[in-house]
């Protein structure tokens, strides 16, 4: 693709100039100025299209995005595909959406690659093509596209379009998680909790689920509460558990609402009167329980996390794997 840019005119150097040290950082400043003035073919049309789109002028915006795309600007091609796929300012046309995503992908745009992968994965009703989807996800994932990395990991995780491979799934979940993608962070937490594709490590599980929970992911907030409540990856902290259950409950989580009512230890939260009032209103008591106070069903449910204290309590009660299966109805 040809690049049109404005020429930066510099004064001709003299012999005297050559004897002086150049000013510190002049190369960086000139590079930034040059990059600021560079305009790729189709970029002006693309910028104008965005200004129209922000005003709600979808049909006009589409026309300018299309001009940008036809000139060859890859981000314009991505937007034209988006407008066709969602019917924004133009009738829906998945064939044309795929065409323009393909044009962008051919220029190395990872968004176009990911969109093509997603189109293959969704496919016609009941006819997804996971093999083709994974091919496109892999191309975009290698270019650092977090959504593609996550979807590729899920397909390795579930054996869709490829053999089930938890090691590969863990690798790609981690890459997406490191970019701050909350669903990948939550998935990595589950892998660390269960030892799938990585050594079992509850401290890392808690670390990753907190990253996702802080972004508002309900399932991660639930798991953060469970890990704090059970003391997995940390000392038991019922105050922290209650806070995360409360956040998830506010988003409508029935699981969190139920767990919040079960929490009975508030000794650590005495300095937080606001939380105290909220917990009292939920119906929880302020009596600290011990493992011996918890029913067999709770002990059996927690054995999957391999907490040493819980294992000892199960052994004390004679809760074998077979007994737990019977108690849990498995």
Foldseek 3Di string as FASTA:
>chain_A
DDKDFDDDDDDDDDPVNVVDDDPPCPVVVVVVVRVVGIDGQLRVLLVVLVVCVVVVNFLVSLVSLVVSVVRPDLVSLQVNLVCQCVVTNHDRDNVSSLVSLVSSVVVVDLSSLQVNLVCQQPDDVVHHQNLSSLVSLVSSVVVQDLVSLQVNLVCLCVVPNHGNAQLSSLVSLVSSVVVLDLVSLQVNLVCLQQVGSHDNAQLSSLVSLVSNVVVPDLVSLQVNLVCLCVVGSHRNDNLSSLVSLVSSVVVPDPSSLVVLLARADCPVPPVPVVVVVVSVVSNHHHDDDDPVPDDPLVLLVCCSSVDVVSVVVCVVVVPDPVNNCVVVVD
